[in-house]
């Protein structure tokens, strides 16, 4: 699959972070198909766009990343969700992996970390 064909959904409650991540995703060559600012909208955007990759913040209003990941995975067991968090709380990262996240990246992260996580997930699909 060509880089530009990889569809990405960005989910984070911080507008500045979403904008920065969009620039990073664009620079890598992937295509951002949608953004969401909370877990509830993440589920809606996922269903509307069926992205190859969802990059989901762990802590958000309305519905957190764990609950949103659980809901998306119940709808699509093949969803590729990468959780991003600045937290060092192992129980939270364990919880999101338990409900289906395929990878966890620690904020702040570099473009190469996202690129590698996406490529690894796509190679398993």
C-alpha atoms as a PDB file:
ATOM      1  CA  UNK A   1       0.000   0.000   0.000  1.00  0.00           C
ATOM      2  CA  UNK A   2       1.350   3.429  -0.935  1.00  0.00           C
ATOM      3  CA  UNK A   3       1.907   5.872   1.923  1.00  0.00           C
ATOM      4  CA  UNK A   4      -0.732   8.304   0.608  1.00  0.00           C
ATOM      5  CA  UNK A   5      -3.305   5.488   0.663  1.00  0.00           C
ATOM      6  CA  UNK A   6      -2.951   5.007   4.432  1.00  0.00           C
ATOM      7  CA  UNK A   7      -5.981   6.704   6.015  1.00  0.00           C
ATOM      8  CA  UNK A   8      -5.517   8.042   9.547  1.00  0.00           C
ATOM      9  CA  UNK A   9      -7.980   9.286  12.176  1.00  0.00           C
ATOM     10  CA  UNK A  10      -6.495  11.611  14.829  1.00  0.00           C
ATOM     11  CA  UNK A  11      -8.245  11.700  18.210  1.00  0.00           C
ATOM     12  CA  UNK A  12      -7.076  14.120  20.906  1.00  0.00           C
ATOM     13  CA  UNK A  13      -8.807  16.750  23.014  1.00  0.00           C
ATOM     14  CA  UNK A  14      -5.986  19.269  22.512  1.00  0.00           C
ATOM     15  CA  UNK A  15      -6.428  21.208  19.259  1.00  0.00           C
ATOM     16  CA  UNK A  16      -2.756  22.183  19.135  1.00  0.00           C
ATOM     17  CA  UNK A  17      -1.684  18.548  19.436  1.00  0.00           C
ATOM     18  CA  UNK A  18      -4.142  17.470  16.709  1.00  0.00           C
ATOM     19  CA  UNK A  19      -2.792  20.173  14.419  1.00  0.00           C
ATOM     20  CA  UNK A  20       0.823  19.208  15.110  1.00  0.00           C
ATOM     21  CA  UNK A  21       0.084  15.527  14.599  1.00  0.00           C
ATOM     22  CA  UNK A  22      -1.737  16.296  11.340  1.00  0.00           C
ATOM     23  CA  UNK A  23       1.367  18.128  10.095  1.00  0.00           C
ATOM     24  CA  UNK A  24       3.513  15.160  11.102  1.00  0.00           C
ATOM     25  CA  UNK A  25       1.193  12.660   9.397  1.00  0.00           C
ATOM     26  CA  UNK A  26       1.093  14.825   6.255  1.00  0.00           C
ATOM     27  CA  UNK A  27       4.909  15.103   6.244  1.00  0.00           C
ATOM     28  CA  UNK A  28       5.261  11.329   6.524  1.00  0.00           C
ATOM     29  CA  UNK A  29       2.937  10.975   3.545  1.00  0.00           C
ATOM     30  CA  UNK A  30      -0.128   9.365   5.130  1.00  0.00           C
ATOM     31  CA  UNK A  31      -3.593  10.899   4.653  1.00  0.00           C
ATOM     32  CA  UNK A  32      -5.555  12.283   7.611  1.00  0.00           C
ATOM     33  CA  UNK A  33      -9.218  11.552   6.872  1.00  0.00           C
ATOM     34  CA  UNK A  34     -10.708  13.018  10.062  1.00  0.00           C
ATOM     35  CA  UNK A  35     -10.071  14.391  13.534  1.00  0.00           C
ATOM     36  CA  UNK A  36     -12.015  14.081  16.770  1.00  0.00           C
ATOM     37  CA  UNK A  37     -11.691  15.938  20.072  1.00  0.00           C
ATOM     38  CA  UNK A  38     -13.283  13.312  22.310  1.00  0.00           C
ATOM     39  CA  UNK A  39     -13.939   9.599  22.464  1.00  0.00           C
ATOM     40  CA  UNK A  40     -17.598   9.853  21.540  1.00  0.00           C
ATOM     41  CA  UNK A  41     -16.784  11.691  18.310  1.00  0.00           C
ATOM     42  CA  UNK A  42     -13.897   9.263  17.704  1.00  0.00           C
ATOM     43  CA  UNK A  43     -16.372   6.400  17.398  1.00  0.00           C
ATOM     44  CA  UNK A  44     -18.563   8.424  15.000  1.00  0.00           C
ATOM     45  CA  UNK A  45     -15.579   9.452  12.869  1.00  0.00           C
ATOM     46  CA  UNK A  46     -14.265   5.890  12.831  1.00  0.00           C
ATOM     47  CA  UNK A  47     -17.567   4.574  11.514  1.00  0.00           C
ATOM     48  CA  UNK A  48     -17.824   7.371   8.936  1.00  0.00           C
ATOM     49  CA  UNK A  49     -14.286   6.969   7.558  1.00  0.00           C
ATOM     50  CA  UNK A  50     -13.068   3.446   8.448  1.00  0.00           C
ATOM     51  CA  UNK A  51      -9.431   4.565   8.690  1.00  0.00           C
ATOM     52  CA  UNK A  52      -6.527   2.127   8.439  1.00  0.00           C
ATOM     53  CA  UNK A  53      -5.044   3.663  11.599  1.00  0.00           C
ATOM     54  CA  UNK A  54      -6.540   5.560  14.522  1.00  0.00           C
ATOM     55  CA  UNK A  55      -4.201   7.506  16.798  1.00  0.00           C
ATOM     56  CA  UNK A  56      -6.137   7.936  20.044  1.00  0.00           C
ATOM     57  CA  UNK A  57      -5.348   9.983  23.133  1.00  0.00           C
ATOM     58  CA  UNK A  58      -5.933   8.129  26.377  1.00  0.00           C
ATOM     59  CA  UNK A  59      -7.428  10.963  28.458  1.00  0.00           C
ATOM     60  CA  UNK A  60     -10.293  12.922  26.897  1.00  0.00           C
ATOM     61  CA  UNK A  61     -13.689  14.333  27.869  1.00  0.00           C
ATOM     62  CA  UNK A  62     -17.019  12.686  26.987  1.00  0.00           C
ATOM     63  CA  UNK A  63     -15.455   9.242  26.553  1.00  0.00           C
ATOM     64  CA  UNK A  64     -11.830   8.385  27.325  1.00  0.00           C
ATOM     65  CA  UNK A  65      -9.495   6.511  25.011  1.00  0.00           C
ATOM     66  CA  UNK A  66     -10.003   3.196  26.801  1.00  0.00           C
ATOM     67  CA  UNK A  67     -13.785   3.305  26.406  1.00  0.00           C
ATOM     68  CA  UNK A  68     -13.609   4.593  22.823  1.00  0.00           C
ATOM     69  CA  UNK A  69     -11.109   1.873  21.900  1.00  0.00           C
ATOM     70  CA  UNK A  70     -13.337  -0.778  23.495  1.00  0.00           C
ATOM     71  CA  UNK A  71     -16.340   0.479  21.502  1.00  0.00           C
ATOM     72  CA  UNK A  72     -14.480   0.677  18.194  1.00  0.00           C
ATOM     73  CA  UNK A  73     -13.021  -2.806  18.688  1.00  0.00           C
ATOM     74  CA  UNK A  74     -16.517  -4.169  19.390  1.00  0.00           C
ATOM     75  CA  UNK A  75     -17.620  -2.705  16.043  1.00  0.00           C
ATOM     76  CA  UNK A  76     -14.511  -3.726  14.098  1.00  0.00           C
ATOM     77  CA  UNK A  77     -12.166  -6.334  15.570  1.00  0.00           C
ATOM     78  CA  UNK A  78      -9.593  -5.485  12.879  1.00  0.00           C
ATOM     79  CA  UNK A  79      -9.279  -1.804  13.841  1.00  0.00           C
ATOM     80  CA  UNK A  80      -5.685  -0.610  14.204  1.00  0.00           C
ATOM     81  CA  UNK A  81      -5.613   1.745  17.175  1.00  0.00           C
ATOM     82  CA  UNK A  82      -2.453   3.384  18.442  1.00  0.00           C
ATOM     83  CA  UNK A  83      -2.933   5.004  21.829  1.00  0.00           C
ATOM     84  CA  UNK A  84      -0.933   8.107  22.705  1.00  0.00           C
ATOM     85  CA  UNK A  85      -0.467   9.366  26.232  1.00  0.00           C
ATOM     86  CA  UNK A  86       1.875  11.469  28.313  1.00  0.00           C
ATOM     87  CA  UNK A  87       1.025   9.333  31.338  1.00  0.00           C
ATOM     88  CA  UNK A  88       3.411   6.839  32.877  1.00  0.00           C
ATOM     89  CA  UNK A  89       0.514   4.970  34.470  1.00  0.00           C
ATOM     90  CA  UNK A  90       1.077   1.333  33.528  1.00  0.00           C
ATOM     91  CA  UNK A  91      -2.432   0.293  34.560  1.00  0.00           C
ATOM     92  CA  UNK A  92      -3.968   2.679  32.002  1.00  0.00           C
ATOM     93  CA  UNK A  93      -1.743   1.518  29.154  1.00  0.00           C
ATOM     94  CA  UNK A  94      -2.354  -2.110  30.156  1.00  0.00           C
ATOM     95  CA  UNK A  95      -6.106  -1.429  30.151  1.00  0.00           C
ATOM     96  CA  UNK A  96      -6.149   0.086  26.674  1.00  0.00           C
ATOM     97  CA  UNK A  97      -4.088  -2.787  25.267  1.00  0.00           C
ATOM     98  CA  UNK A  98      -6.420  -5.248  26.977  1.00  0.00           C
ATOM     99  CA  UNK A  99      -9.432  -3.740  25.185  1.00  0.00           C
ATOM    100  CA  UNK A 100      -7.709  -3.852  21.797  1.00  0.00           C
ATOM    101  CA  UNK A 101      -5.190  -1.069  21.159  1.00  0.00           C
ATOM    102  CA  UNK A 102      -2.416  -2.495  19.003  1.00  0.00           C
ATOM    103  CA  UNK A 103       0.309  -0.072  20.125  1.00  0.00           C
ATOM    104  CA  UNK A 104       1.011   2.642  22.675  1.00  0.00           C
ATOM    105  CA  UNK A 105       3.293   5.615  22.019  1.00  0.00           C
ATOM    106  CA  UNK A 106       4.428   7.962  24.752  1.00  0.00           C
ATOM    107  CA  UNK A 107       3.960  11.718  24.267  1.00  0.00           C
ATOM    108  CA  UNK A 108       5.948  13.544  23.184  1.00  0.00           C
ATOM    109  CA  UNK A 109       6.928  11.309  20.313  1.00  0.00           C
ATOM    110  CA  UNK A 110       8.828  11.800  17.085  1.00  0.00           C
ATOM    111  CA  UNK A 111       7.564  11.303  13.544  1.00  0.00           C
ATOM    112  CA  UNK A 112       9.688   8.175  13.134  1.00  0.00           C
ATOM    113  CA  UNK A 113       7.929   6.543  16.102  1.00  0.00           C
ATOM    114  CA  UNK A 114       4.507   7.066  14.524  1.00  0.00           C
ATOM    115  CA  UNK A 115       5.795   5.976  11.124  1.00  0.00           C
ATOM    116  CA  UNK A 116       7.258   2.789  12.588  1.00  0.00           C
ATOM    117  CA  UNK A 117       4.137   1.987  14.617  1.00  0.00           C
ATOM    118  CA  UNK A 118       1.922   2.456  11.550  1.00  0.00           C
ATOM    119  CA  UNK A 119       4.172   0.373   9.287  1.00  0.00           C
ATOM    120  CA  UNK A 120       4.330  -2.416  11.881  1.00  0.00           C
ATOM    121  CA  UNK A 121       0.543  -2.518  12.231  1.00  0.00           C
ATOM    122  CA  UNK A 122      -0.057  -2.454   8.489  1.00  0.00           C
ATOM    123  CA  UNK A 123       2.423  -5.274   7.930  1.00  0.00           C
ATOM    124  CA  UNK A 124       0.372  -7.438  10.336  1.00  0.00           C
ATOM    125  CA  UNK A 125      -2.940  -6.669   8.589  1.00  0.00           C
END
